[in-house]
Amino acid sequence: MGRVLVAYGSTEGQTAAIADRIGDVLADAGHDPLVISTKHPPPEIDIARYDGVVVAASVHMGDHQPDAVSFVRENLDALERIPSAFVSVSLTAATDSEDADRTTNEYVQDVLQETGWSPTRTHIVAGALKYREYGLLTRFVVRRIAGKEGLATDTSRDHEYTDWDDIEAFAGEFATLVDDHSSNAS
């Protein structure tokens, strides 16, 4: 089976947890995953040595993690040669409306246009409200936004919107893409 890199950009840790779950599913499928943060990638990382790459990034204030976008830009040539996927994590994805769907797709398209990347797959995932990790001002602002979007406003606890079954299904499909690519390359 193949070596798969899962690189993530995360602020409160939900995207890191999503990346870890993707890595777990890839390992269960017989692959050798390495999960890294795009904020501090190992200096010796060489994307060309992997059979597939998943980049996951969270959206904050309408933009994906800058370090994840930079990681894509810096590794674009290698990403274009192997199966690759972009996973966009946002609270907007937790809102069930046409406007939310349009917005989450725009978030993805913005990254792809900015970097020139054409990943094999893109996947949109709902994130989490981590009220207990926010400072007072951030908690207040996020609570107001969440209320307008119909999301949880109870700041005494965190609220998770991530569909873990969906994440596992996506990772399983990506494992199959890597398998197919590896067998075709042989």
N, C-alpha and C. Protein backbone atom coordinates (compact mmCIF):
# COMPACT_ATOMS: atom_id res chain seq x y z
N MET A 1 0.83 -1.18 0.00
CA MET A 1 0.00 0.00 0.00
C MET A 1 0.88 1.25 0.00
N GLY A 2 0.24 2.42 -0.06
CA GLY A 2 1.00 3.63 -0.27
C GLY A 2 1.25 4.47 0.97
N ARG A 3 2.18 5.36 0.78
CA ARG A 3 2.45 6.37 1.80
C ARG A 3 1.57 7.58 1.51
N VAL A 4 0.85 8.04 2.52
CA VAL A 4 -0.07 9.16 2.33
C VAL A 4 0.22 10.24 3.37
N LEU A 5 0.36 11.46 2.89
CA LEU A 5 0.57 12.60 3.77
C LEU A 5 -0.77 13.28 4.02
N VAL A 6 -1.07 13.56 5.28
CA VAL A 6 -2.26 14.32 5.65
C VAL A 6 -1.74 15.57 6.36
N ALA A 7 -1.87 16.71 5.70
CA ALA A 7 -1.38 17.98 6.23
C ALA A 7 -2.58 18.85 6.58
N TYR A 8 -2.53 19.49 7.75
CA TYR A 8 -3.68 20.27 8.18
C TYR A 8 -3.28 21.63 8.72
N GLY A 9 -4.20 22.58 8.56
CA GLY A 9 -4.09 23.90 9.19
C GLY A 9 -5.28 24.04 10.12
N SER A 10 -5.03 24.27 11.41
CA SER A 10 -6.10 24.29 12.41
C SER A 10 -5.83 25.38 13.44
N THR A 11 -6.90 25.96 13.97
CA THR A 11 -6.76 26.97 15.02
C THR A 11 -7.15 26.41 16.38
N GLU A 12 -8.38 25.90 16.49
CA GLU A 12 -8.85 25.36 17.77
C GLU A 12 -8.70 23.86 17.89
N GLY A 13 -8.25 23.19 16.84
CA GLY A 13 -7.98 21.77 16.93
C GLY A 13 -8.97 20.85 16.24
N GLN A 14 -10.11 21.35 15.77
CA GLN A 14 -11.08 20.48 15.12
C GLN A 14 -10.53 19.92 13.80
N THR A 15 -9.86 20.75 13.03
CA THR A 15 -9.30 20.27 11.76
C THR A 15 -8.16 19.29 12.03
N ALA A 16 -7.41 19.49 13.10
CA ALA A 16 -6.38 18.52 13.48
C ALA A 16 -7.02 17.18 13.81
N ALA A 17 -8.14 17.20 14.53
CA ALA A 17 -8.84 15.95 14.87
C ALA A 17 -9.37 15.28 13.60
N ILE A 18 -9.86 16.07 12.66
CA ILE A 18 -10.34 15.53 11.39
C ILE A 18 -9.18 14.88 10.63
N ALA A 19 -8.04 15.56 10.60
CA ALA A 19 -6.85 15.01 9.92
C ALA A 19 -6.41 13.70 10.58
N ASP A 20 -6.44 13.66 11.90
CA ASP A 20 -6.08 12.42 12.61
C ASP A 20 -7.02 11.28 12.24
N ARG A 21 -8.32 11.58 12.15
CA ARG A 21 -9.28 10.53 11.80
C ARG A 21 -9.04 10.04 10.37
N ILE A 22 -8.74 10.96 9.46
CA ILE A 22 -8.42 10.56 8.09
C ILE A 22 -7.20 9.65 8.09
N GLY A 23 -6.18 10.02 8.87
CA GLY A 23 -4.99 9.18 8.99
C GLY A 23 -5.31 7.80 9.54
N ASP A 24 -6.19 7.73 10.53
CA ASP A 24 -6.59 6.44 11.11
C ASP A 24 -7.27 5.55 10.07
N VAL A 25 -8.16 6.14 9.28
CA VAL A 25 -8.87 5.36 8.25
C VAL A 25 -7.88 4.88 7.19
N LEU A 26 -6.95 5.74 6.80
CA LEU A 26 -5.94 5.35 5.81
C LEU A 26 -5.09 4.20 6.34
N ALA A 27 -4.71 4.27 7.62
CA ALA A 27 -3.92 3.19 8.23
C ALA A 27 -4.72 1.89 8.26
N ASP A 28 -6.00 1.99 8.61
CA ASP A 28 -6.85 0.80 8.64
C ASP A 28 -6.99 0.18 7.26
N ALA A 29 -6.86 1.02 6.21
CA ALA A 29 -6.95 0.53 4.83
C ALA A 29 -5.61 -0.02 4.34
N GLY A 30 -4.60 -0.02 5.22
CA GLY A 30 -3.31 -0.60 4.87
C GLY A 30 -2.27 0.39 4.39
N HIS A 31 -2.59 1.67 4.43
CA HIS A 31 -1.64 2.69 4.00
C HIS A 31 -0.75 3.12 5.16
N ASP A 32 0.28 3.86 4.82
CA ASP A 32 1.22 4.38 5.81
C ASP A 32 1.05 5.89 5.86
N PRO A 33 0.13 6.40 6.72
CA PRO A 33 -0.11 7.84 6.75
C PRO A 33 0.84 8.59 7.68
N LEU A 34 1.13 9.81 7.33
CA LEU A 34 1.84 10.74 8.19
C LEU A 34 0.99 11.98 8.30
N VAL A 35 0.59 12.36 9.51
CA VAL A 35 -0.24 13.53 9.75
C VAL A 35 0.66 14.64 10.30
N ILE A 36 0.63 15.80 9.61
CA ILE A 36 1.48 16.93 10.02
C ILE A 36 0.68 18.23 10.03
N SER A 37 1.15 19.18 10.78
CA SER A 37 0.59 20.53 10.78
C SER A 37 1.29 21.34 9.68
N THR A 38 0.51 22.11 8.93
CA THR A 38 1.12 22.98 7.92
C THR A 38 1.77 24.20 8.55
N LYS A 39 1.46 24.44 9.82
CA LYS A 39 2.08 25.57 10.52
C LYS A 39 3.56 25.30 10.79
N HIS A 40 3.87 24.04 11.13
CA HIS A 40 5.25 23.65 11.42
C HIS A 40 5.56 22.32 10.75
N PRO A 41 5.58 22.28 9.41
CA PRO A 41 5.88 21.01 8.75
C PRO A 41 7.33 20.61 8.98
N PRO A 42 7.60 19.32 9.03
CA PRO A 42 9.00 18.90 9.19
C PRO A 42 9.83 19.44 8.02
N PRO A 43 11.01 19.97 8.29
CA PRO A 43 11.80 20.58 7.22
C PRO A 43 12.21 19.59 6.13
N GLU A 44 12.29 18.31 6.48
CA GLU A 44 12.73 17.31 5.51
C GLU A 44 11.59 16.74 4.68
N ILE A 45 10.37 17.25 4.85
CA ILE A 45 9.22 16.69 4.14
C ILE A 45 9.38 16.87 2.63
N ASP A 46 9.17 15.78 1.90
CA ASP A 46 9.28 15.79 0.45
C ASP A 46 8.01 15.16 -0.11
N ILE A 47 7.10 15.98 -0.58
CA ILE A 47 5.80 15.53 -1.06
C ILE A 47 5.94 14.50 -2.18
N ALA A 48 6.98 14.62 -2.98
CA ALA A 48 7.18 13.70 -4.10
C ALA A 48 7.38 12.26 -3.64
N ARG A 49 7.69 12.05 -2.38
CA ARG A 49 7.91 10.69 -1.85
C ARG A 49 6.61 10.02 -1.39
N TYR A 50 5.48 10.71 -1.55
CA TYR A 50 4.19 10.17 -1.11
C TYR A 50 3.35 9.74 -2.31
N ASP A 51 2.46 8.80 -2.04
CA ASP A 51 1.57 8.28 -3.08
C ASP A 51 0.24 9.03 -3.11
N GLY A 52 0.01 9.87 -2.14
CA GLY A 52 -1.20 10.67 -2.07
C GLY A 52 -1.07 11.70 -0.96
N VAL A 53 -1.79 12.81 -1.10
CA VAL A 53 -1.75 13.88 -0.10
C VAL A 53 -3.16 14.44 0.11
N VAL A 54 -3.52 14.58 1.38
CA VAL A 54 -4.75 15.27 1.77
C VAL A 54 -4.32 16.53 2.51
N VAL A 55 -4.87 17.67 2.10
CA VAL A 55 -4.64 18.92 2.82
C VAL A 55 -5.99 19.35 3.39
N ALA A 56 -6.05 19.54 4.69
CA ALA A 56 -7.27 19.98 5.37
C ALA A 56 -6.99 21.36 5.99
N ALA A 57 -7.95 22.26 5.83
CA ALA A 57 -7.76 23.61 6.37
C ALA A 57 -9.10 24.15 6.86
N SER A 58 -9.04 24.84 7.98
CA SER A 58 -10.25 25.45 8.51
C SER A 58 -10.40 26.87 7.98
N VAL A 59 -11.65 27.32 7.99
CA VAL A 59 -11.98 28.67 7.53
C VAL A 59 -12.24 29.54 8.76
N HIS A 60 -11.59 30.70 8.77
CA HIS A 60 -11.83 31.69 9.82
C HIS A 60 -11.98 33.05 9.15
N MET A 61 -13.06 33.71 9.47
CA MET A 61 -13.33 35.05 8.92
C MET A 61 -13.31 35.02 7.39
N GLY A 62 -13.78 33.94 6.80
CA GLY A 62 -13.92 33.85 5.36
C GLY A 62 -12.70 33.36 4.61
N ASP A 63 -11.62 33.07 5.31
CA ASP A 63 -10.40 32.61 4.64
C ASP A 63 -9.89 31.32 5.28
N HIS A 64 -9.29 30.47 4.44
CA HIS A 64 -8.66 29.26 4.97
C HIS A 64 -7.34 29.62 5.65
N GLN A 65 -6.86 28.70 6.47
CA GLN A 65 -5.61 28.89 7.19
C GLN A 65 -4.50 29.31 6.22
N PRO A 66 -3.86 30.45 6.44
CA PRO A 66 -2.80 30.91 5.54
C PRO A 66 -1.65 29.91 5.40
N ASP A 67 -1.29 29.22 6.51
CA ASP A 67 -0.18 28.28 6.41
C ASP A 67 -0.54 27.08 5.53
N ALA A 68 -1.81 26.68 5.52
CA ALA A 68 -2.23 25.58 4.66
C ALA A 68 -2.22 26.00 3.19
N VAL A 69 -2.66 27.22 2.93
CA VAL A 69 -2.65 27.74 1.55
C VAL A 69 -1.20 27.87 1.06
N SER A 70 -0.32 28.35 1.92
CA SER A 70 1.11 28.45 1.55
C SER A 70 1.70 27.06 1.29
N PHE A 71 1.32 26.09 2.10
CA PHE A 71 1.80 24.72 1.93
C PHE A 71 1.41 24.19 0.55
N VAL A 72 0.17 24.44 0.15
CA VAL A 72 -0.28 24.01 -1.19
C VAL A 72 0.53 24.72 -2.26
N ARG A 73 0.66 26.02 -2.13
CA ARG A 73 1.39 26.79 -3.14
C ARG A 73 2.84 26.30 -3.28
N GLU A 74 3.49 26.04 -2.16
CA GLU A 74 4.90 25.62 -2.17
C GLU A 74 5.09 24.20 -2.71
N ASN A 75 4.04 23.38 -2.67
CA ASN A 75 4.15 21.98 -3.08
C ASN A 75 3.26 21.65 -4.28
N LEU A 76 2.87 22.67 -5.01
CA LEU A 76 1.90 22.51 -6.09
C LEU A 76 2.32 21.48 -7.13
N ASP A 77 3.55 21.53 -7.59
CA ASP A 77 3.99 20.59 -8.64
C ASP A 77 3.81 19.15 -8.19
N ALA A 78 4.24 18.84 -6.99
CA ALA A 78 4.11 17.47 -6.48
C ALA A 78 2.65 17.09 -6.27
N LEU A 79 1.83 18.02 -5.78
CA LEU A 79 0.41 17.74 -5.55
C LEU A 79 -0.32 17.42 -6.84
N GLU A 80 0.12 18.00 -7.94
CA GLU A 80 -0.53 17.78 -9.22
C GLU A 80 -0.19 16.42 -9.83
N ARG A 81 0.85 15.75 -9.35
CA ARG A 81 1.30 14.48 -9.94
C ARG A 81 0.70 13.24 -9.27
N ILE A 82 0.09 13.40 -8.12
CA ILE A 82 -0.43 12.26 -7.36
C ILE A 82 -1.86 12.54 -6.93
N PRO A 83 -2.58 11.51 -6.49
CA PRO A 83 -3.92 11.78 -5.95
C PRO A 83 -3.81 12.76 -4.78
N SER A 84 -4.63 13.79 -4.84
CA SER A 84 -4.62 14.78 -3.77
C SER A 84 -6.05 15.21 -3.48
N ALA A 85 -6.25 15.68 -2.27
CA ALA A 85 -7.58 16.12 -1.87
C ALA A 85 -7.47 17.35 -0.98
N PHE A 86 -8.46 18.21 -1.09
CA PHE A 86 -8.55 19.38 -0.24
C PHE A 86 -9.81 19.25 0.60
N VAL A 87 -9.67 19.31 1.92
CA VAL A 87 -10.78 19.23 2.85
C VAL A 87 -10.94 20.61 3.49
N SER A 88 -12.07 21.22 3.26
CA SER A 88 -12.38 22.54 3.80
C SER A 88 -13.30 22.38 5.00
N VAL A 89 -12.88 22.93 6.15
CA VAL A 89 -13.64 22.79 7.39
C VAL A 89 -14.16 24.17 7.81
N SER A 90 -15.48 24.26 7.97
CA SER A 90 -16.05 25.55 8.37
C SER A 90 -17.35 25.36 9.12
N LEU A 91 -17.72 26.36 9.88
CA LEU A 91 -19.03 26.35 10.54
C LEU A 91 -20.14 26.61 9.53
N THR A 92 -19.82 27.33 8.47
CA THR A 92 -20.82 27.58 7.44
C THR A 92 -21.37 26.27 6.90
N ALA A 93 -20.54 25.25 6.83
CA ALA A 93 -20.98 23.95 6.34
C ALA A 93 -22.00 23.29 7.26
N ALA A 94 -22.11 23.77 8.49
CA ALA A 94 -23.08 23.21 9.44
C ALA A 94 -24.47 23.79 9.22
N THR A 95 -24.55 24.84 8.44
CA THR A 95 -25.82 25.51 8.18
C THR A 95 -26.43 24.92 6.91
N ASP A 96 -27.63 24.43 7.01
CA ASP A 96 -28.29 23.75 5.89
C ASP A 96 -29.11 24.75 5.08
N SER A 97 -28.44 25.40 4.12
CA SER A 97 -29.14 26.34 3.24
C SER A 97 -28.38 26.46 1.92
N GLU A 98 -29.08 26.93 0.91
CA GLU A 98 -28.43 27.13 -0.39
C GLU A 98 -27.33 28.18 -0.29
N ASP A 99 -27.57 29.23 0.49
CA ASP A 99 -26.55 30.27 0.67
C ASP A 99 -25.30 29.69 1.31
N ALA A 100 -25.48 28.83 2.31
CA ALA A 100 -24.33 28.22 2.98
C ALA A 100 -23.58 27.32 2.00
N ASP A 101 -24.29 26.53 1.21
CA ASP A 101 -23.64 25.68 0.22
C ASP A 101 -22.83 26.51 -0.77
N ARG A 102 -23.43 27.58 -1.23
CA ARG A 102 -22.75 28.47 -2.18
C ARG A 102 -21.49 29.07 -1.53
N THR A 103 -21.61 29.50 -0.29
CA THR A 103 -20.48 30.11 0.41
C THR A 103 -19.35 29.11 0.63
N THR A 104 -19.68 27.90 1.08
CA THR A 104 -18.62 26.91 1.32
C THR A 104 -17.92 26.53 0.02
N ASN A 105 -18.67 26.44 -1.06
CA ASN A 105 -18.05 26.16 -2.36
C ASN A 105 -17.16 27.31 -2.81
N GLU A 106 -17.57 28.54 -2.52
CA GLU A 106 -16.73 29.71 -2.85
C GLU A 106 -15.43 29.69 -2.05
N TYR A 107 -15.51 29.29 -0.78
CA TYR A 107 -14.29 29.18 0.03
C TYR A 107 -13.29 28.24 -0.64
N VAL A 108 -13.78 27.09 -1.10
CA VAL A 108 -12.91 26.11 -1.76
C VAL A 108 -12.36 26.68 -3.06
N GLN A 109 -13.23 27.25 -3.87
CA GLN A 109 -12.79 27.79 -5.16
C GLN A 109 -11.77 28.92 -5.00
N ASP A 110 -11.91 29.71 -3.95
CA ASP A 110 -10.94 30.78 -3.68
C ASP A 110 -9.53 30.20 -3.49
N VAL A 111 -9.42 29.12 -2.72
CA VAL A 111 -8.11 28.50 -2.49
C VAL A 111 -7.57 27.91 -3.79
N LEU A 112 -8.42 27.22 -4.52
CA LEU A 112 -7.96 26.59 -5.75
C LEU A 112 -7.51 27.63 -6.78
N GLN A 113 -8.24 28.72 -6.88
CA GLN A 113 -7.85 29.80 -7.81
C GLN A 113 -6.57 30.49 -7.34
N GLU A 114 -6.48 30.74 -6.04
CA GLU A 114 -5.31 31.42 -5.49
C GLU A 114 -4.03 30.61 -5.68
N THR A 115 -4.15 29.29 -5.57
CA THR A 115 -2.96 28.43 -5.62
C THR A 115 -2.73 27.80 -7.00
N GLY A 116 -3.78 27.71 -7.81
CA GLY A 116 -3.67 27.02 -9.10
C GLY A 116 -3.78 25.50 -8.97
N TRP A 117 -4.17 25.02 -7.80
CA TRP A 117 -4.25 23.59 -7.53
C TRP A 117 -5.53 22.99 -8.12
N SER A 118 -5.40 21.80 -8.68
CA SER A 118 -6.54 21.02 -9.15
C SER A 118 -6.53 19.68 -8.44
N PRO A 119 -6.99 19.64 -7.19
CA PRO A 119 -6.96 18.38 -6.46
C PRO A 119 -7.87 17.34 -7.10
N THR A 120 -7.55 16.09 -6.87
CA THR A 120 -8.37 15.00 -7.38
C THR A 120 -9.76 15.05 -6.76
N ARG A 121 -9.83 15.42 -5.47
CA ARG A 121 -11.10 15.51 -4.75
C ARG A 121 -11.09 16.76 -3.86
N THR A 122 -12.28 17.30 -3.66
CA THR A 122 -12.48 18.31 -2.62
C THR A 122 -13.61 17.80 -1.73
N HIS A 123 -13.56 18.21 -0.49
CA HIS A 123 -14.58 17.75 0.46
C HIS A 123 -14.83 18.86 1.46
N ILE A 124 -16.09 19.14 1.71
CA ILE A 124 -16.48 20.19 2.64
C ILE A 124 -17.04 19.55 3.91
N VAL A 125 -16.55 20.02 5.05
CA VAL A 125 -16.86 19.43 6.33
C VAL A 125 -17.28 20.52 7.33
N ALA A 126 -18.28 20.22 8.12
CA ALA A 126 -18.68 21.13 9.19
C ALA A 126 -17.70 21.01 10.35
N GLY A 127 -17.39 22.13 10.96
CA GLY A 127 -16.43 22.16 12.07
C GLY A 127 -17.10 22.11 13.42
N ALA A 128 -16.63 22.93 14.32
CA ALA A 128 -17.13 22.94 15.69
C ALA A 128 -17.07 24.35 16.26
N LEU A 129 -17.93 24.61 17.21
CA LEU A 129 -17.86 25.83 18.00
C LEU A 129 -17.14 25.48 19.28
N LYS A 130 -15.97 26.04 19.47
CA LYS A 130 -15.15 25.72 20.65
C LYS A 130 -15.23 26.89 21.64
N TYR A 131 -16.43 27.17 22.10
CA TYR A 131 -16.65 28.31 22.99
C TYR A 131 -15.70 28.32 24.19
N ARG A 132 -15.43 27.16 24.76
CA ARG A 132 -14.60 27.11 25.97
C ARG A 132 -13.14 27.49 25.69
N GLU A 133 -12.75 27.49 24.43
CA GLU A 133 -11.38 27.85 24.08
C GLU A 133 -11.25 29.31 23.65
N TYR A 134 -12.38 29.96 23.39
CA TYR A 134 -12.34 31.34 22.93
C TYR A 134 -12.15 32.30 24.10
N GLY A 135 -11.48 33.41 23.81
CA GLY A 135 -11.42 34.49 24.78
C GLY A 135 -12.78 35.16 24.87
N LEU A 136 -12.94 36.06 25.81
CA LEU A 136 -14.24 36.70 26.06
C LEU A 136 -14.78 37.42 24.82
N LEU A 137 -13.97 38.22 24.17
CA LEU A 137 -14.42 38.96 22.99
C LEU A 137 -14.77 38.02 21.85
N THR A 138 -13.91 37.05 21.58
CA THR A 138 -14.17 36.09 20.50
C THR A 138 -15.44 35.31 20.79
N ARG A 139 -15.62 34.89 22.04
CA ARG A 139 -16.83 34.15 22.42
C ARG A 139 -18.08 34.98 22.14
N PHE A 140 -18.03 36.26 22.48
CA PHE A 140 -19.18 37.15 22.26
C PHE A 140 -19.48 37.29 20.77
N VAL A 141 -18.45 37.55 19.97
CA VAL A 141 -18.63 37.74 18.53
C VAL A 141 -19.12 36.45 17.87
N VAL A 142 -18.50 35.32 18.20
CA VAL A 142 -18.88 34.05 17.59
C VAL A 142 -20.31 33.68 18.00
N ARG A 143 -20.68 33.95 19.23
CA ARG A 143 -22.04 33.65 19.69
C ARG A 143 -23.07 34.43 18.88
N ARG A 144 -22.80 35.69 18.61
CA ARG A 144 -23.72 36.51 17.81
C ARG A 144 -23.85 35.95 16.40
N ILE A 145 -22.70 35.61 15.79
CA ILE A 145 -22.72 35.05 14.43
C ILE A 145 -23.45 33.71 14.42
N ALA A 146 -23.15 32.87 15.40
CA ALA A 146 -23.79 31.56 15.48
C ALA A 146 -25.31 31.70 15.62
N GLY A 147 -25.74 32.63 16.43
CA GLY A 147 -27.18 32.86 16.60
C GLY A 147 -27.85 33.26 15.30
N LYS A 148 -27.21 34.12 14.54
CA LYS A 148 -27.76 34.56 13.24
C LYS A 148 -27.85 33.39 12.26
N GLU A 149 -26.94 32.43 12.39
CA GLU A 149 -26.90 31.28 11.48
C GLU A 149 -27.70 30.09 11.99
N GLY A 150 -28.32 30.24 13.17
CA GLY A 150 -29.11 29.15 13.72
C GLY A 150 -28.27 28.06 14.38
N LEU A 151 -27.04 28.38 14.75
CA LEU A 151 -26.17 27.42 15.41
C LEU A 151 -26.23 27.65 16.93
N ALA A 152 -25.63 26.76 17.67
CA ALA A 152 -25.69 26.79 19.13
C ALA A 152 -25.08 28.07 19.71
N THR A 153 -25.75 28.60 20.71
CA THR A 153 -25.27 29.82 21.38
C THR A 153 -24.97 29.61 22.85
N ASP A 154 -25.07 28.38 23.33
CA ASP A 154 -24.73 28.07 24.72
C ASP A 154 -23.22 28.06 24.85
N THR A 155 -22.67 29.12 25.46
CA THR A 155 -21.22 29.27 25.54
C THR A 155 -20.58 28.49 26.69
N SER A 156 -21.40 27.78 27.45
CA SER A 156 -20.84 27.02 28.58
C SER A 156 -20.22 25.70 28.13
N ARG A 157 -20.41 25.36 26.86
CA ARG A 157 -19.83 24.11 26.34
C ARG A 157 -19.50 24.26 24.86
N ASP A 158 -18.73 23.32 24.35
CA ASP A 158 -18.40 23.28 22.93
C ASP A 158 -19.51 22.54 22.18
N HIS A 159 -19.61 22.83 20.88
CA HIS A 159 -20.63 22.20 20.04
C HIS A 159 -19.95 21.68 18.78
N GLU A 160 -20.07 20.39 18.55
CA GLU A 160 -19.42 19.77 17.40
C GLU A 160 -20.45 19.48 16.32
N TYR A 161 -20.13 19.87 15.09
CA TYR A 161 -21.01 19.65 13.94
C TYR A 161 -20.40 18.68 12.93
N THR A 162 -19.21 18.23 13.16
CA THR A 162 -18.52 17.34 12.23
C THR A 162 -19.24 16.00 12.14
N ASP A 163 -19.47 15.55 10.91
CA ASP A 163 -20.07 14.24 10.65
C ASP A 163 -18.92 13.25 10.47
N TRP A 164 -18.61 12.51 11.54
CA TRP A 164 -17.45 11.61 11.52
C TRP A 164 -17.63 10.45 10.56
N ASP A 165 -18.86 9.99 10.37
CA ASP A 165 -19.10 8.92 9.39
C ASP A 165 -18.77 9.40 7.98
N ASP A 166 -19.11 10.65 7.70
CA ASP A 166 -18.81 11.25 6.40
C ASP A 166 -17.29 11.36 6.21
N ILE A 167 -16.58 11.77 7.26
CA ILE A 167 -15.11 11.87 7.19
C ILE A 167 -14.52 10.49 6.89
N GLU A 168 -15.00 9.48 7.57
CA GLU A 168 -14.48 8.13 7.37
C GLU A 168 -14.77 7.62 5.95
N ALA A 169 -15.96 7.93 5.44
CA ALA A 169 -16.30 7.53 4.07
C ALA A 169 -15.39 8.23 3.06
N PHE A 170 -15.18 9.53 3.26
CA PHE A 170 -14.27 10.28 2.38
C PHE A 170 -12.87 9.67 2.42
N ALA A 171 -12.34 9.40 3.60
CA ALA A 171 -10.99 8.86 3.73
C ALA A 171 -10.90 7.48 3.08
N GLY A 172 -11.94 6.67 3.21
CA GLY A 172 -11.97 5.37 2.56
C GLY A 172 -11.93 5.49 1.05
N GLU A 173 -12.68 6.46 0.51
CA GLU A 173 -12.66 6.71 -0.94
C GLU A 173 -11.28 7.18 -1.38
N PHE A 174 -10.66 8.02 -0.57
CA PHE A 174 -9.33 8.51 -0.94
C PHE A 174 -8.32 7.36 -0.91
N ALA A 175 -8.44 6.47 0.06
CA ALA A 175 -7.56 5.30 0.12
C ALA A 175 -7.67 4.48 -1.17
N THR A 176 -8.88 4.34 -1.67
CA THR A 176 -9.10 3.61 -2.92
C THR A 176 -8.46 4.34 -4.09
N LEU A 177 -8.55 5.66 -4.12
CA LEU A 177 -7.88 6.44 -5.18
C LEU A 177 -6.37 6.20 -5.18
N VAL A 178 -5.79 6.19 -3.99
CA VAL A 178 -4.35 5.96 -3.88
C VAL A 178 -4.02 4.55 -4.35
N ASP A 179 -4.84 3.57 -3.96
CA ASP A 179 -4.64 2.18 -4.40
C ASP A 179 -4.67 2.09 -5.92
N ASP A 180 -5.71 2.71 -6.51
CA ASP A 180 -5.87 2.65 -7.97
C ASP A 180 -4.71 3.32 -8.68
N HIS A 181 -4.27 4.46 -8.16
CA HIS A 181 -3.15 5.18 -8.77
C HIS A 181 -1.87 4.36 -8.67
N SER A 182 -1.63 3.75 -7.51
CA SER A 182 -0.43 2.94 -7.30
C SER A 182 -0.41 1.73 -8.22
N SER A 183 -1.57 1.07 -8.38
CA SER A 183 -1.60 -0.12 -9.23
C SER A 183 -1.46 0.25 -10.71
N ASN A 184 -1.96 1.43 -11.10
CA ASN A 184 -1.82 1.89 -12.49
C ASN A 184 -0.40 2.34 -12.79
N ALA A 185 0.30 2.82 -11.76
CA ALA A 185 1.68 3.29 -11.94
C ALA A 185 2.67 2.12 -12.01
N SER A 186 2.24 0.95 -11.53
CA SER A 186 3.15 -0.21 -11.50
C SER A 186 3.32 -0.83 -12.86
